[in-house]
Amino acid sequence: MVISIDEVSEVALLARLSLTEQEKELYASQLSRIIEHFNQLKDIDTTSVEPLAHALPVTNVLREDEVKPSLGREALLANAPDREGNFFKVPKIGE
């Protein structure tokens, strides 16, 4: 399938791109070659290939939830640039 310069111009218009004539010719050529590569995939016999969702076997990689001790409030606030009591103090960003 060959992509015409008119088709490239139409897509450029829809995408609100301004292209020179040289760019339109270049993109028409490049897009045509890309589509030819995809057309080659049509010729591959895939009748004996099972459809799959992933190329590799997928297993659940999530760990079990476990309760573990956490840092204390003082340890968490120790490196805070500014704090007010037991809270992080941040600059006001709204009115």
PDB file of N, CA and C in Angstrom:
ATOM      1  N   MET A   1       0.846  -1.171   0.000  1.00  0.00           N
ATOM      2  CA  MET A   1       0.000   0.000   0.000  1.00  0.00           C
ATOM      3  C   MET A   1       0.894   1.237   0.000  1.00  0.00           C
ATOM      4  N   VAL A   2       0.595   2.136  -0.882  1.00  0.00           N
ATOM      5  CA  VAL A   2       1.367   3.359  -0.990  1.00  0.00           C
ATOM      6  C   VAL A   2       0.570   4.505  -0.383  1.00  0.00           C
ATOM      7  N   ILE A   3       1.198   5.240   0.496  1.00  0.00           N
ATOM      8  CA  ILE A   3       0.578   6.413   1.099  1.00  0.00           C
ATOM      9  C   ILE A   3       0.872   7.610   0.206  1.00  0.00           C
ATOM     10  N   SER A   4      -0.173   8.301  -0.182  1.00  0.00           N
ATOM     11  CA  SER A   4       0.011   9.444  -1.078  1.00  0.00           C
ATOM     12  C   SER A   4       0.322  10.715  -0.284  1.00  0.00           C
ATOM     13  N   ILE A   5       0.844  11.680  -0.997  1.00  0.00           N
ATOM     14  CA  ILE A   5       1.134  12.975  -0.383  1.00  0.00           C
ATOM     15  C   ILE A   5      -0.162  13.632   0.075  1.00  0.00           C
ATOM     16  N   ASP A   6      -1.255  13.404  -0.667  1.00  0.00           N
ATOM     17  CA  ASP A   6      -2.555  13.951  -0.267  1.00  0.00           C
ATOM     18  C   ASP A   6      -3.006  13.372   1.069  1.00  0.00           C
ATOM     19  N   GLU A   7      -2.770  12.076   1.275  1.00  0.00           N
ATOM     20  CA  GLU A   7      -3.140  11.453   2.551  1.00  0.00           C
ATOM     21  C   GLU A   7      -2.296  12.014   3.695  1.00  0.00           C
ATOM     22  N   VAL A   8      -1.022  12.224   3.450  1.00  0.00           N
ATOM     23  CA  VAL A   8      -0.156  12.819   4.470  1.00  0.00           C
ATOM     24  C   VAL A   8      -0.627  14.242   4.769  1.00  0.00           C
ATOM     25  N   SER A   9      -1.000  14.984   3.738  1.00  0.00           N
ATOM     26  CA  SER A   9      -1.503  16.349   3.931  1.00  0.00           C
ATOM     27  C   SER A   9      -2.779  16.352   4.758  1.00  0.00           C
ATOM     28  N   GLU A  10      -3.661  15.384   4.499  1.00  0.00           N
ATOM     29  CA  GLU A  10      -4.922  15.288   5.242  1.00  0.00           C
ATOM     30  C   GLU A  10      -4.661  15.001   6.721  1.00  0.00           C
ATOM     31  N   VAL A  11      -3.769  14.053   7.006  1.00  0.00           N
ATOM     32  CA  VAL A  11      -3.447  13.718   8.388  1.00  0.00           C
ATOM     33  C   VAL A  11      -2.760  14.897   9.070  1.00  0.00           C
ATOM     34  N   ALA A  12      -1.875  15.570   8.357  1.00  0.00           N
ATOM     35  CA  ALA A  12      -1.195  16.745   8.919  1.00  0.00           C
ATOM     36  C   ALA A  12      -2.208  17.838   9.253  1.00  0.00           C
ATOM     37  N   LEU A  13      -3.193  18.014   8.399  1.00  0.00           N
ATOM     38  CA  LEU A  13      -4.233  19.006   8.667  1.00  0.00           C
ATOM     39  C   LEU A  13      -5.026  18.641   9.914  1.00  0.00           C
ATOM     40  N   LEU A  14      -5.413  17.368  10.033  1.00  0.00           N
ATOM     41  CA  LEU A  14      -6.170  16.922  11.207  1.00  0.00           C
ATOM     42  C   LEU A  14      -5.349  17.050  12.487  1.00  0.00           C
ATOM     43  N   ALA A  15      -4.036  16.843  12.377  1.00  0.00           N
ATOM     44  CA  ALA A  15      -3.150  16.934  13.537  1.00  0.00           C
ATOM     45  C   ALA A  15      -2.658  18.360  13.763  1.00  0.00           C
ATOM     46  N   ARG A  16      -3.107  19.262  12.917  1.00  0.00           N
ATOM     47  CA  ARG A  16      -2.722  20.679  13.009  1.00  0.00           C
ATOM     48  C   ARG A  16      -1.203  20.853  12.903  1.00  0.00           C
ATOM     49  N   LEU A  17      -0.625  20.139  11.927  1.00  0.00           N
ATOM     50  CA  LEU A  17       0.805  20.241  11.660  1.00  0.00           C
ATOM     51  C   LEU A  17       1.014  20.988  10.355  1.00  0.00           C
ATOM     52  N   SER A  18       1.992  21.842  10.311  1.00  0.00           N
ATOM     53  CA  SER A  18       2.328  22.485   9.044  1.00  0.00           C
ATOM     54  C   SER A  18       3.589  21.814   8.515  1.00  0.00           C
ATOM     55  N   LEU A  19       3.458  21.191   7.362  1.00  0.00           N
ATOM     56  CA  LEU A  19       4.573  20.454   6.770  1.00  0.00           C
ATOM     57  C   LEU A  19       4.952  21.079   5.444  1.00  0.00           C
ATOM     58  N   THR A  20       6.237  21.057   5.143  1.00  0.00           N
ATOM     59  CA  THR A  20       6.697  21.501   3.833  1.00  0.00           C
ATOM     60  C   THR A  20       6.443  20.377   2.831  1.00  0.00           C
ATOM     61  N   GLU A  21       6.525  20.702   1.569  1.00  0.00           N
ATOM     62  CA  GLU A  21       6.327  19.682   0.531  1.00  0.00           C
ATOM     63  C   GLU A  21       7.388  18.587   0.652  1.00  0.00           C
ATOM     64  N   GLN A  22       8.596  18.971   1.007  1.00  0.00           N
ATOM     65  CA  GLN A  22       9.678  17.994   1.171  1.00  0.00           C
ATOM     66  C   GLN A  22       9.361  17.045   2.333  1.00  0.00           C
ATOM     67  N   GLU A  23       8.835  17.583   3.430  1.00  0.00           N
ATOM     68  CA  GLU A  23       8.472  16.741   4.570  1.00  0.00           C
ATOM     69  C   GLU A  23       7.322  15.808   4.207  1.00  0.00           C
ATOM     70  N   LYS A  24       6.354  16.296   3.449  1.00  0.00           N
ATOM     71  CA  LYS A  24       5.228  15.450   3.044  1.00  0.00           C
ATOM     72  C   LYS A  24       5.711  14.281   2.196  1.00  0.00           C
ATOM     73  N   GLU A  25       6.641  14.548   1.282  1.00  0.00           N
ATOM     74  CA  GLU A  25       7.190  13.476   0.453  1.00  0.00           C
ATOM     75  C   GLU A  25       7.951  12.469   1.305  1.00  0.00           C
ATOM     76  N   LEU A  26       8.743  12.980   2.241  1.00  0.00           N
ATOM     77  CA  LEU A  26       9.521  12.111   3.123  1.00  0.00           C
ATOM     78  C   LEU A  26       8.599  11.226   3.955  1.00  0.00           C
ATOM     79  N   TYR A  27       7.573  11.826   4.570  1.00  0.00           N
ATOM     80  CA  TYR A  27       6.662  11.064   5.429  1.00  0.00           C
ATOM     81  C   TYR A  27       5.832  10.078   4.617  1.00  0.00           C
ATOM     82  N   ALA A  28       5.437  10.444   3.408  1.00  0.00           N
ATOM     83  CA  ALA A  28       4.688   9.523   2.565  1.00  0.00           C
ATOM     84  C   ALA A  28       5.536   8.293   2.256  1.00  0.00           C
ATOM     85  N   SER A  29       6.800   8.518   1.958  1.00  0.00           N
ATOM     86  CA  SER A  29       7.718   7.410   1.665  1.00  0.00           C
ATOM     87  C   SER A  29       7.931   6.535   2.897  1.00  0.00           C
ATOM     88  N   GLN A  30       8.184   7.174   4.045  1.00  0.00           N
ATOM     89  CA  GLN A  30       8.441   6.425   5.268  1.00  0.00           C
ATOM     90  C   GLN A  30       7.206   5.634   5.710  1.00  0.00           C
ATOM     91  N   LEU A  31       6.040   6.248   5.659  1.00  0.00           N
ATOM     92  CA  LEU A  31       4.813   5.552   6.061  1.00  0.00           C
ATOM     93  C   LEU A  31       4.507   4.391   5.130  1.00  0.00           C
ATOM     94  N   SER A  32       4.765   4.559   3.842  1.00  0.00           N
ATOM     95  CA  SER A  32       4.541   3.474   2.886  1.00  0.00           C
ATOM     96  C   SER A  32       5.433   2.279   3.205  1.00  0.00           C
ATOM     97  N   ARG A  33       6.698   2.549   3.551  1.00  0.00           N
ATOM     98  CA  ARG A  33       7.609   1.460   3.904  1.00  0.00           C
ATOM     99  C   ARG A  33       7.169   0.764   5.184  1.00  0.00           C
ATOM    100  N   ILE A  34       6.697   1.530   6.152  1.00  0.00           N
ATOM    101  CA  ILE A  34       6.225   0.936   7.412  1.00  0.00           C
ATOM    102  C   ILE A  34       5.037   0.027   7.149  1.00  0.00           C
ATOM    103  N   ILE A  35       4.101   0.468   6.328  1.00  0.00           N
ATOM    104  CA  ILE A  35       2.916  -0.345   6.033  1.00  0.00           C
ATOM    105  C   ILE A  35       3.314  -1.597   5.261  1.00  0.00           C
ATOM    106  N   GLU A  36       4.311  -1.502   4.399  1.00  0.00           N
ATOM    107  CA  GLU A  36       4.788  -2.679   3.688  1.00  0.00           C
ATOM    108  C   GLU A  36       5.351  -3.717   4.659  1.00  0.00           C
ATOM    109  N   HIS A  37       6.037  -3.264   5.690  1.00  0.00           N
ATOM    110  CA  HIS A  37       6.554  -4.193   6.705  1.00  0.00           C
ATOM    111  C   HIS A  37       5.393  -4.896   7.413  1.00  0.00           C
ATOM    112  N   PHE A  38       4.338  -4.159   7.723  1.00  0.00           N
ATOM    113  CA  PHE A  38       3.177  -4.779   8.354  1.00  0.00           C
ATOM    114  C   PHE A  38       2.490  -5.747   7.399  1.00  0.00           C
ATOM    115  N   ASN A  39       2.455  -5.426   6.127  1.00  0.00           N
ATOM    116  CA  ASN A  39       1.844  -6.324   5.150  1.00  0.00           C
ATOM    117  C   ASN A  39       2.614  -7.639   5.041  1.00  0.00           C
ATOM    118  N   GLN A  40       3.916  -7.615   5.286  1.00  0.00           N
ATOM    119  CA  GLN A  40       4.701  -8.843   5.277  1.00  0.00           C
ATOM    120  C   GLN A  40       4.253  -9.777   6.401  1.00  0.00           C
ATOM    121  N   LEU A  41       3.769  -9.236   7.482  1.00  0.00           N
ATOM    122  CA  LEU A  41       3.298 -10.060   8.597  1.00  0.00           C
ATOM    123  C   LEU A  41       2.062 -10.865   8.209  1.00  0.00           C
ATOM    124  N   LYS A  42       1.291 -10.377   7.251  1.00  0.00           N
ATOM    125  CA  LYS A  42       0.101 -11.101   6.801  1.00  0.00           C
ATOM    126  C   LYS A  42       0.472 -12.433   6.154  1.00  0.00           C
ATOM    127  N   ASP A  43       1.680 -12.507   5.595  1.00  0.00           N
ATOM    128  CA  ASP A  43       2.113 -13.708   4.885  1.00  0.00           C
ATOM    129  C   ASP A  43       2.621 -14.807   5.815  1.00  0.00           C
ATOM    130  N   ILE A  44       2.766 -14.520   7.089  1.00  0.00           N
ATOM    131  CA  ILE A  44       3.283 -15.508   8.035  1.00  0.00           C
ATOM    132  C   ILE A  44       2.163 -16.467   8.430  1.00  0.00           C
ATOM    133  N   ASP A  45       2.460 -17.774   8.371  1.00  0.00           N
ATOM    134  CA  ASP A  45       1.482 -18.787   8.746  1.00  0.00           C
ATOM    135  C   ASP A  45       1.451 -18.913  10.265  1.00  0.00           C
ATOM    136  N   THR A  46       0.332 -18.549  10.867  1.00  0.00           N
ATOM    137  CA  THR A  46       0.192 -18.603  12.319  1.00  0.00           C
ATOM    138  C   THR A  46      -0.889 -19.590  12.748  1.00  0.00           C
ATOM    139  N   THR A  47      -1.248 -20.518  11.867  1.00  0.00           N
ATOM    140  CA  THR A  47      -2.335 -21.447  12.192  1.00  0.00           C
ATOM    141  C   THR A  47      -1.984 -22.361  13.363  1.00  0.00           C
ATOM    142  N   SER A  48      -0.709 -22.677  13.557  1.00  0.00           N
ATOM    143  CA  SER A  48      -0.338 -23.577  14.648  1.00  0.00           C
ATOM    144  C   SER A  48       0.123 -22.818  15.896  1.00  0.00           C
ATOM    145  N   VAL A  49      -0.038 -21.524  15.902  1.00  0.00           N
ATOM    146  CA  VAL A  49       0.387 -20.712  17.042  1.00  0.00           C
ATOM    147  C   VAL A  49      -0.815 -20.445  17.934  1.00  0.00           C
ATOM    148  N   GLU A  50      -0.671 -20.811  19.200  1.00  0.00           N
ATOM    149  CA  GLU A  50      -1.753 -20.585  20.163  1.00  0.00           C
ATOM    150  C   GLU A  50      -1.854 -19.095  20.503  1.00  0.00           C
ATOM    151  N   PRO A  51      -3.064 -18.561  20.548  1.00  0.00           N
ATOM    152  CA  PRO A  51      -3.192 -17.164  20.981  1.00  0.00           C
ATOM    153  C   PRO A  51      -2.804 -17.037  22.450  1.00  0.00           C
ATOM    154  N   LEU A  52      -2.144 -15.948  22.790  1.00  0.00           N
ATOM    155  CA  LEU A  52      -1.770 -15.749  24.188  1.00  0.00           C
ATOM    156  C   LEU A  52      -1.847 -14.287  24.577  1.00  0.00           C
ATOM    157  N   ALA A  53      -2.000 -14.067  25.865  1.00  0.00           N
ATOM    158  CA  ALA A  53      -2.072 -12.710  26.381  1.00  0.00           C
ATOM    159  C   ALA A  53      -0.685 -12.171  26.697  1.00  0.00           C
ATOM    160  N   HIS A  54       0.247 -13.054  27.032  1.00  0.00           N
ATOM    161  CA  HIS A  54       1.611 -12.660  27.361  1.00  0.00           C
ATOM    162  C   HIS A  54       2.590 -13.605  26.674  1.00  0.00           C
ATOM    163  N   ALA A  55       3.726 -13.060  26.287  1.00  0.00           N
ATOM    164  CA  ALA A  55       4.737 -13.890  25.630  1.00  0.00           C
ATOM    165  C   ALA A  55       5.406 -14.849  26.603  1.00  0.00           C
ATOM    166  N   LEU A  56       5.452 -14.496  27.857  1.00  0.00           N
ATOM    167  CA  LEU A  56       6.076 -15.329  28.880  1.00  0.00           C
ATOM    168  C   LEU A  56       5.027 -15.745  29.898  1.00  0.00           C
ATOM    169  N   PRO A  57       5.229 -16.888  30.561  1.00  0.00           N
ATOM    170  CA  PRO A  57       4.277 -17.272  31.594  1.00  0.00           C
ATOM    171  C   PRO A  57       4.249 -16.225  32.712  1.00  0.00           C
ATOM    172  N   VAL A  58       3.073 -15.856  33.135  1.00  0.00           N
ATOM    173  CA  VAL A  58       2.935 -14.815  34.147  1.00  0.00           C
ATOM    174  C   VAL A  58       2.399 -15.441  35.427  1.00  0.00           C
ATOM    175  N   THR A  59       3.068 -15.141  36.516  1.00  0.00           N
ATOM    176  CA  THR A  59       2.584 -15.593  37.817  1.00  0.00           C
ATOM    177  C   THR A  59       2.430 -14.376  38.703  1.00  0.00           C
ATOM    178  N   ASN A  60       1.662 -14.532  39.760  1.00  0.00           N
ATOM    179  CA  ASN A  60       1.447 -13.440  40.686  1.00  0.00           C
ATOM    180  C   ASN A  60       2.756 -13.148  41.417  1.00  0.00           C
ATOM    181  N   VAL A  61       3.268 -11.955  41.240  1.00  0.00           N
ATOM    182  CA  VAL A  61       4.540 -11.602  41.863  1.00  0.00           C
ATOM    183  C   VAL A  61       4.339 -10.741  43.107  1.00  0.00           C
ATOM    184  N   LEU A  62       3.098 -10.569  43.524  1.00  0.00           N
ATOM    185  CA  LEU A  62       2.833  -9.761  44.708  1.00  0.00           C
ATOM    186  C   LEU A  62       3.085 -10.584  45.960  1.00  0.00           C
ATOM    187  N   ARG A  63       3.605  -9.949  46.958  1.00  0.00           N
ATOM    188  CA  ARG A  63       3.858 -10.641  48.217  1.00  0.00           C
ATOM    189  C   ARG A  63       2.605 -10.604  49.070  1.00  0.00           C
ATOM    190  N   GLU A  64       2.561 -11.446  50.045  1.00  0.00           N
ATOM    191  CA  GLU A  64       1.456 -11.446  50.998  1.00  0.00           C
ATOM    192  C   GLU A  64       1.563 -10.200  51.876  1.00  0.00           C
ATOM    193  N   ASP A  65       0.419  -9.654  52.253  1.00  0.00           N
ATOM    194  CA  ASP A  65       0.425  -8.523  53.180  1.00  0.00           C
ATOM    195  C   ASP A  65       0.796  -9.015  54.570  1.00  0.00           C
ATOM    196  N   GLU A  66       1.773  -8.368  55.145  1.00  0.00           N
ATOM    197  CA  GLU A  66       2.193  -8.718  56.492  1.00  0.00           C
ATOM    198  C   GLU A  66       2.311  -7.445  57.321  1.00  0.00           C
ATOM    199  N   VAL A  67       1.843  -7.493  58.528  1.00  0.00           N
ATOM    200  CA  VAL A  67       1.985  -6.364  59.437  1.00  0.00           C
ATOM    201  C   VAL A  67       3.403  -6.377  59.970  1.00  0.00           C
ATOM    202  N   LYS A  68       4.088  -5.240  59.819  1.00  0.00           N
ATOM    203  CA  LYS A  68       5.456  -5.122  60.305  1.00  0.00           C
ATOM    204  C   LYS A  68       5.551  -3.839  61.130  1.00  0.00           C
ATOM    205  N   PRO A  69       6.488  -3.788  62.034  1.00  0.00           N
ATOM    206  CA  PRO A  69       6.636  -2.558  62.815  1.00  0.00           C
ATOM    207  C   PRO A  69       7.076  -1.409  61.913  1.00  0.00           C
ATOM    208  N   SER A  70       6.535  -0.234  62.193  1.00  0.00           N
ATOM    209  CA  SER A  70       6.901   0.936  61.399  1.00  0.00           C
ATOM    210  C   SER A  70       7.715   1.895  62.249  1.00  0.00           C
ATOM    211  N   LEU A  71       8.229   2.928  61.608  1.00  0.00           N
ATOM    212  CA  LEU A  71       8.985   3.937  62.328  1.00  0.00           C
ATOM    213  C   LEU A  71       8.038   4.729  63.225  1.00  0.00           C
ATOM    214  N   GLY A  72       8.552   5.250  64.277  1.00  0.00           N
ATOM    215  CA  GLY A  72       7.742   6.086  65.160  1.00  0.00           C
ATOM    216  C   GLY A  72       7.543   7.469  64.567  1.00  0.00           C
ATOM    217  N   ARG A  73       6.611   8.196  65.132  1.00  0.00           N
ATOM    218  CA  ARG A  73       6.283   9.525  64.653  1.00  0.00           C
ATOM    219  C   ARG A  73       7.506  10.443  64.684  1.00  0.00           C
ATOM    220  N   GLU A  74       8.281  10.406  65.751  1.00  0.00           N
ATOM    221  CA  GLU A  74       9.457  11.270  65.860  1.00  0.00           C
ATOM    222  C   GLU A  74      10.497  10.947  64.796  1.00  0.00           C
ATOM    223  N   ALA A  75      10.698   9.671  64.520  1.00  0.00           N
ATOM    224  CA  ALA A  75      11.667   9.275  63.485  1.00  0.00           C
ATOM    225  C   ALA A  75      11.210   9.759  62.111  1.00  0.00           C
ATOM    226  N   LEU A  76       9.906   9.704  61.835  1.00  0.00           N
ATOM    227  CA  LEU A  76       9.387  10.164  60.546  1.00  0.00           C
ATOM    228  C   LEU A  76       9.509  11.670  60.395  1.00  0.00           C
ATOM    229  N   LEU A  77       9.265  12.407  61.460  1.00  0.00           N
ATOM    230  CA  LEU A  77       9.300  13.865  61.391  1.00  0.00           C
ATOM    231  C   LEU A  77      10.694  14.441  61.611  1.00  0.00           C
ATOM    232  N   ALA A  78      11.664  13.605  61.935  1.00  0.00           N
ATOM    233  CA  ALA A  78      13.008  14.089  62.261  1.00  0.00           C
ATOM    234  C   ALA A  78      13.646  14.847  61.096  1.00  0.00           C
ATOM    235  N   ASN A  79      13.402  14.423  59.859  1.00  0.00           N
ATOM    236  CA  ASN A  79      14.025  15.060  58.700  1.00  0.00           C
ATOM    237  C   ASN A  79      13.089  16.031  57.987  1.00  0.00           C
ATOM    238  N   ALA A  80      11.962  16.324  58.567  1.00  0.00           N
ATOM    239  CA  ALA A  80      11.026  17.260  57.947  1.00  0.00           C
ATOM    240  C   ALA A  80      11.643  18.652  57.911  1.00  0.00           C
ATOM    241  N   PRO A  81      11.562  19.346  56.779  1.00  0.00           N
ATOM    242  CA  PRO A  81      12.126  20.691  56.719  1.00  0.00           C
ATOM    243  C   PRO A  81      11.416  21.658  57.671  1.00  0.00           C
ATOM    244  N   ASP A  82      10.138  21.438  57.893  1.00  0.00           N
ATOM    245  CA  ASP A  82       9.372  22.279  58.810  1.00  0.00           C
ATOM    246  C   ASP A  82       8.224  21.446  59.355  1.00  0.00           C
ATOM    247  N   ARG A  83       7.939  21.616  60.620  1.00  0.00           N
ATOM    248  CA  ARG A  83       6.850  20.857  61.217  1.00  0.00           C
ATOM    249  C   ARG A  83       6.124  21.711  62.232  1.00  0.00           C
ATOM    250  N   GLU A  84       4.898  21.316  62.472  1.00  0.00           N
ATOM    251  CA  GLU A  84       4.092  21.995  63.478  1.00  0.00           C
ATOM    252  C   GLU A  84       3.471  20.909  64.337  1.00  0.00           C
ATOM    253  N   GLY A  85       4.007  20.733  65.511  1.00  0.00           N
ATOM    254  CA  GLY A  85       3.543  19.666  66.383  1.00  0.00           C
ATOM    255  C   GLY A  85       3.867  18.314  65.781  1.00  0.00           C
ATOM    256  N   ASN A  86       2.854  17.497  65.567  1.00  0.00           N
ATOM    257  CA  ASN A  86       3.044  16.158  64.992  1.00  0.00           C
ATOM    258  C   ASN A  86       2.747  16.111  63.491  1.00  0.00           C
ATOM    259  N   PHE A  87       2.827  17.259  62.822  1.00  0.00           N
ATOM    260  CA  PHE A  87       2.461  17.320  61.406  1.00  0.00           C
ATOM    261  C   PHE A  87       3.575  17.966  60.592  1.00  0.00           C
ATOM    262  N   PHE A  88       3.654  17.595  59.300  1.00  0.00           N
ATOM    263  CA  PHE A  88       4.528  18.281  58.365  1.00  0.00           C
ATOM    264  C   PHE A  88       3.908  19.638  58.078  1.00  0.00           C
ATOM    265  N   LYS A  89       4.720  20.686  58.048  1.00  0.00           N
ATOM    266  CA  LYS A  89       4.210  22.008  57.724  1.00  0.00           C
ATOM    267  C   LYS A  89       4.683  22.332  56.303  1.00  0.00           C
ATOM    268  N   VAL A  90       3.715  22.688  55.451  1.00  0.00           N
ATOM    269  CA  VAL A  90       4.024  22.977  54.045  1.00  0.00           C
ATOM    270  C   VAL A  90       3.470  24.349  53.699  1.00  0.00           C
ATOM    271  N   PRO A  91       4.003  24.974  52.655  1.00  0.00           N
ATOM    272  CA  PRO A  91       3.493  26.273  52.251  1.00  0.00           C
ATOM    273  C   PRO A  91       2.054  26.169  51.753  1.00  0.00           C
ATOM    274  N   LYS A  92       1.275  27.193  52.005  1.00  0.00           N
ATOM    275  CA  LYS A  92      -0.101  27.237  51.544  1.00  0.00           C
ATOM    276  C   LYS A  92      -0.096  27.414  50.028  1.00  0.00           C
ATOM    277  N   ILE A  93      -0.909  26.621  49.320  1.00  0.00           N
ATOM    278  CA  ILE A  93      -0.923  26.709  47.863  1.00  0.00           C
ATOM    279  C   ILE A  93      -2.259  27.188  47.322  1.00  0.00           C
ATOM    280  N   GLY A  94      -3.265  27.310  48.158  1.00  0.00           N
ATOM    281  CA  GLY A  94      -4.572  27.759  47.699  1.00  0.00           C
ATOM    282  C   GLY A  94      -5.072  28.881  48.583  1.00  0.00           C
ATOM    283  N   GLU A  95      -6.203  29.414  48.199  1.00  0.00           N
ATOM    284  CA  GLU A  95      -6.767  30.495  49.008  1.00  0.00           C
ATOM    285  C   GLU A  95      -7.866  29.975  49.899  1.00  0.00           C
TER     286      GLU A  95
END
